[in-house]
């Protein structure tokens, strides 16, 4: 893999979350606390504010610092989960990852998110998008293909009944709505893939 421009990735991710904050909030208003979009925007803006400092660190330390910042600033249910994703990724990834190392680290990070949220695939959570994205990475798919798979996986949360998280309290009324966390994951997967592919 080419040298990673982490500051560029952070900026792209923060821009994407900010652009979709109202959409994410609307999704969360339907079956959650209604604060997901605003919380995610606040967290990623906080990461953006320190993008240069983070990018000066070795990649594992940078990812752990980003995870810590997200836990501290996103709040709600999503802060610990998205924070755990980056913290675990930082623990597993090498300073100069190849695709095999990135894939293995991503798999471990997803396991950590499942453990933190006491959830598994099929319960209408962000795992329902993370896992298909991981499987596409394992299968050697391109960034564009992985992004499309993540989008379809987010769409596939619509008919699901929520069994974990705030939405689970609604029972059958959670059916017919997209999971906001899953949508956030799909947005980030596409943004990261497009940004990496656009790097010189």
Protein backbone atom coordinates (compact mmCIF):
# COMPACT_ATOMS: atom_id res chain seq x y z
CA UNK A 1 0.00 0.00 0.00
CA UNK A 2 1.14 3.57 -0.68
CA UNK A 3 2.08 5.82 2.21
CA UNK A 4 -1.09 6.89 4.00
CA UNK A 5 -2.11 10.56 4.00
CA UNK A 6 -3.99 10.34 7.29
CA UNK A 7 -4.82 14.04 7.50
CA UNK A 8 -6.47 13.84 4.09
CA UNK A 9 -8.46 10.77 5.17
CA UNK A 10 -9.60 12.47 8.38
CA UNK A 11 -10.70 15.58 6.49
CA UNK A 12 -12.62 13.54 3.92
CA UNK A 13 -14.35 11.50 6.65
CA UNK A 14 -15.31 14.60 8.63
CA UNK A 15 -16.63 16.30 5.48
CA UNK A 16 -18.77 13.26 4.66
CA UNK A 17 -20.25 12.96 8.14
CA UNK A 18 -20.96 16.70 8.24
CA UNK A 19 -22.66 16.57 4.83
CA UNK A 20 -24.88 13.69 5.95
CA UNK A 21 -25.48 14.73 9.58
CA UNK A 22 -29.12 15.69 8.98
CA UNK A 23 -29.81 12.42 7.14
CA UNK A 24 -28.22 10.40 9.96
CA UNK A 25 -30.21 12.31 12.56
CA UNK A 26 -33.46 11.71 10.65
CA UNK A 27 -32.71 7.97 10.49
CA UNK A 28 -32.03 7.94 14.22
CA UNK A 29 -35.15 9.96 15.02
CA UNK A 30 -37.23 7.16 13.51
CA UNK A 31 -35.97 4.40 15.80
CA UNK A 32 -33.34 5.82 18.17
CA UNK A 33 -32.57 8.82 20.34
CA UNK A 34 -32.43 11.17 17.36
CA UNK A 35 -28.92 12.41 18.10
CA UNK A 36 -26.72 10.14 15.98
CA UNK A 37 -25.98 12.61 13.20
CA UNK A 38 -25.13 15.49 15.52
CA UNK A 39 -23.04 13.24 17.76
CA UNK A 40 -21.07 11.82 14.85
CA UNK A 41 -20.52 15.27 13.38
CA UNK A 42 -19.24 16.58 16.72
CA UNK A 43 -16.86 13.64 17.09
CA UNK A 44 -15.42 13.81 13.60
CA UNK A 45 -15.05 17.60 13.80
CA UNK A 46 -13.03 17.08 17.00
CA UNK A 47 -10.83 14.57 15.17
CA UNK A 48 -10.49 16.97 12.22
CA UNK A 49 -9.31 19.71 14.57
CA UNK A 50 -6.32 17.53 15.50
CA UNK A 51 -5.75 15.96 12.09
CA UNK A 52 -2.19 17.24 11.75
CA UNK A 53 -1.22 16.06 15.23
CA UNK A 54 -2.73 12.63 14.62
CA UNK A 55 -1.07 12.27 11.22
CA UNK A 56 2.34 12.98 12.77
CA UNK A 57 2.06 9.82 14.89
CA UNK A 58 2.83 6.26 13.74
CA UNK A 59 -0.37 4.79 12.27
CA UNK A 60 -1.17 2.44 15.20
CA UNK A 61 -0.84 5.30 17.72
CA UNK A 62 -2.77 7.67 15.48
CA UNK A 63 -5.72 5.25 15.21
CA UNK A 64 -5.76 4.70 18.97
CA UNK A 65 -5.72 8.47 19.54
CA UNK A 66 -8.60 8.90 17.07
CA UNK A 67 -10.55 6.16 18.84
CA UNK A 68 -10.03 7.81 22.21
CA UNK A 69 -11.13 11.18 20.82
CA UNK A 70 -14.30 9.63 19.35
CA UNK A 71 -15.18 7.96 22.66
CA UNK A 72 -14.74 11.30 24.42
CA UNK A 73 -16.62 13.47 21.94
CA UNK A 74 -19.27 11.45 20.08
CA UNK A 75 -21.21 10.44 23.16
CA UNK A 76 -24.42 8.44 23.13
CA UNK A 77 -24.30 4.77 22.20
CA UNK A 78 -22.18 5.38 19.11
CA UNK A 79 -19.16 6.96 20.80
CA UNK A 80 -17.93 3.80 22.54
CA UNK A 81 -18.66 1.65 19.47
CA UNK A 82 -16.98 3.79 16.81
CA UNK A 83 -14.21 4.57 19.29
CA UNK A 84 -13.67 0.87 19.93
CA UNK A 85 -13.45 0.25 16.18
CA UNK A 86 -10.52 2.66 15.84
CA UNK A 87 -8.87 1.68 19.14
CA UNK A 88 -8.90 -2.00 18.21
CA UNK A 89 -7.71 -1.23 14.69
CA UNK A 90 -4.79 0.69 16.18
CA UNK A 91 -3.86 -2.25 18.40
CA UNK A 92 -3.77 -4.70 15.50
CA UNK A 93 -2.45 -2.74 12.53
CA UNK A 94 1.20 -2.30 11.62
CA UNK A 95 2.85 1.06 10.98
CA UNK A 96 3.00 0.27 7.26
CA UNK A 97 0.13 -2.15 6.65
CA UNK A 98 -0.29 -4.26 3.56
CA UNK A 99 -3.74 -5.50 2.54
CA UNK A 100 -3.36 -8.73 4.55
CA UNK A 101 -2.50 -6.86 7.75
CA UNK A 102 -5.25 -4.30 7.20
CA UNK A 103 -7.78 -7.07 6.62
CA UNK A 104 -6.74 -8.99 9.73
CA UNK A 105 -6.78 -5.82 11.85
CA UNK A 106 -10.22 -4.85 10.53
CA UNK A 107 -11.55 -8.30 11.41
CA UNK A 108 -10.25 -8.01 14.98
CA UNK A 109 -11.69 -4.51 15.28
CA UNK A 110 -15.13 -5.77 14.25
CA UNK A 111 -14.90 -8.50 16.89
CA UNK A 112 -14.10 -5.81 19.47
CA UNK A 113 -17.14 -3.75 18.43
CA UNK A 114 -19.36 -6.83 18.77
CA UNK A 115 -17.97 -7.54 22.23
CA UNK A 116 -18.38 -3.93 23.33
CA UNK A 117 -21.96 -3.73 22.09
CA UNK A 118 -22.79 -7.32 23.12
CA UNK A 119 -24.17 -7.70 19.61
CA UNK A 120 -23.78 -9.83 16.52
CA UNK A 121 -24.63 -9.74 12.84
CA UNK A 122 -28.38 -9.82 12.16
CA UNK A 123 -29.42 -7.59 15.06
CA UNK A 124 -29.73 -4.35 13.05
CA UNK A 125 -26.55 -2.63 14.15
CA UNK A 126 -23.40 -1.25 12.53
CA UNK A 127 -22.07 -4.82 12.53
CA UNK A 128 -24.49 -5.61 9.72
CA UNK A 129 -22.46 -3.28 7.49
CA UNK A 130 -19.00 -3.80 8.98
CA UNK A 131 -19.07 -7.58 8.48
CA UNK A 132 -20.01 -7.57 4.76
CA UNK A 133 -17.36 -4.88 4.15
CA UNK A 134 -14.80 -7.07 5.90
CA UNK A 135 -15.82 -10.14 3.90
CA UNK A 136 -15.47 -8.13 0.68
CA UNK A 137 -11.99 -7.06 1.78
CA UNK A 138 -11.09 -10.71 2.45
CA UNK A 139 -12.40 -11.64 -0.99
CA UNK A 140 -10.04 -9.14 -2.62
CA UNK A 141 -12.74 -6.78 -3.87
CA UNK A 142 -11.84 -3.27 -5.04
CA UNK A 143 -12.57 -0.19 -2.94
CA UNK A 144 -15.52 0.69 -5.19
CA UNK A 145 -16.95 -2.82 -4.90
CA UNK A 146 -16.56 -2.79 -1.12
CA UNK A 147 -18.34 0.58 -0.96
CA UNK A 148 -21.24 -0.76 -3.03
CA UNK A 149 -21.47 -3.83 -0.79
CA UNK A 150 -21.53 -1.59 2.29
CA UNK A 151 -24.32 0.52 0.77
CA UNK A 152 -26.37 -2.59 0.02
CA UNK A 153 -25.72 -3.89 3.54
CA UNK A 154 -27.03 -0.63 5.02
CA UNK A 155 -30.13 -0.92 2.82
CA UNK A 156 -30.54 -4.49 4.07
CA UNK A 157 -30.97 -3.24 7.66
CA UNK A 158 -34.30 -1.65 6.67
CA UNK A 159 -36.43 -4.84 6.86
CA UNK A 160 -34.61 -6.09 9.96
CA UNK A 161 -36.07 -6.06 13.46
CA UNK A 162 -33.68 -4.42 15.92
CA UNK A 163 -32.51 -6.77 18.65
CA UNK A 164 -29.81 -4.53 20.16
CA UNK A 165 -29.47 -0.86 20.99
CA UNK A 166 -32.10 1.80 21.55
CA UNK A 167 -34.11 0.64 18.53
CA UNK A 168 -34.65 -2.79 20.10
CA UNK A 169 -37.15 -1.24 22.54
CA UNK A 170 -39.46 -0.56 19.59
CA UNK A 171 -39.74 -4.23 18.65
CA UNK A 172 -41.57 -4.67 15.35
CA UNK A 173 -41.82 -0.87 14.92
CA UNK A 174 -38.07 -0.84 14.21
CA UNK A 175 -38.81 -2.74 10.96
CA UNK A 176 -38.86 -0.51 7.87
CA UNK A 177 -36.13 1.90 8.95
CA UNK A 178 -32.41 1.92 8.13
CA UNK A 179 -29.98 1.61 11.02
CA UNK A 180 -28.23 4.97 11.45
CA UNK A 181 -24.98 3.38 12.64
CA UNK A 182 -24.96 1.09 9.63
CA UNK A 183 -25.49 4.06 7.32
CA UNK A 184 -22.58 5.89 9.00
CA UNK A 185 -20.33 2.88 8.41
CA UNK A 186 -21.33 2.72 4.73
CA UNK A 187 -20.60 6.43 4.29
CA UNK A 188 -17.18 6.07 5.90
CA UNK A 189 -16.30 2.92 3.93
CA UNK A 190 -17.02 4.70 0.64
CA UNK A 191 -15.19 7.88 1.66
CA UNK A 192 -12.10 6.06 2.88
CA UNK A 193 -11.99 3.88 -0.24
CA UNK A 194 -12.38 6.81 -2.62
CA UNK A 195 -9.80 8.89 -0.73
CA UNK A 196 -7.25 6.06 -0.70
CA UNK A 197 -7.76 5.39 -4.39
CA UNK A 198 -7.33 9.08 -5.13
CA UNK A 199 -3.99 9.30 -3.35
CA UNK A 200 -0.95 9.64 -5.59
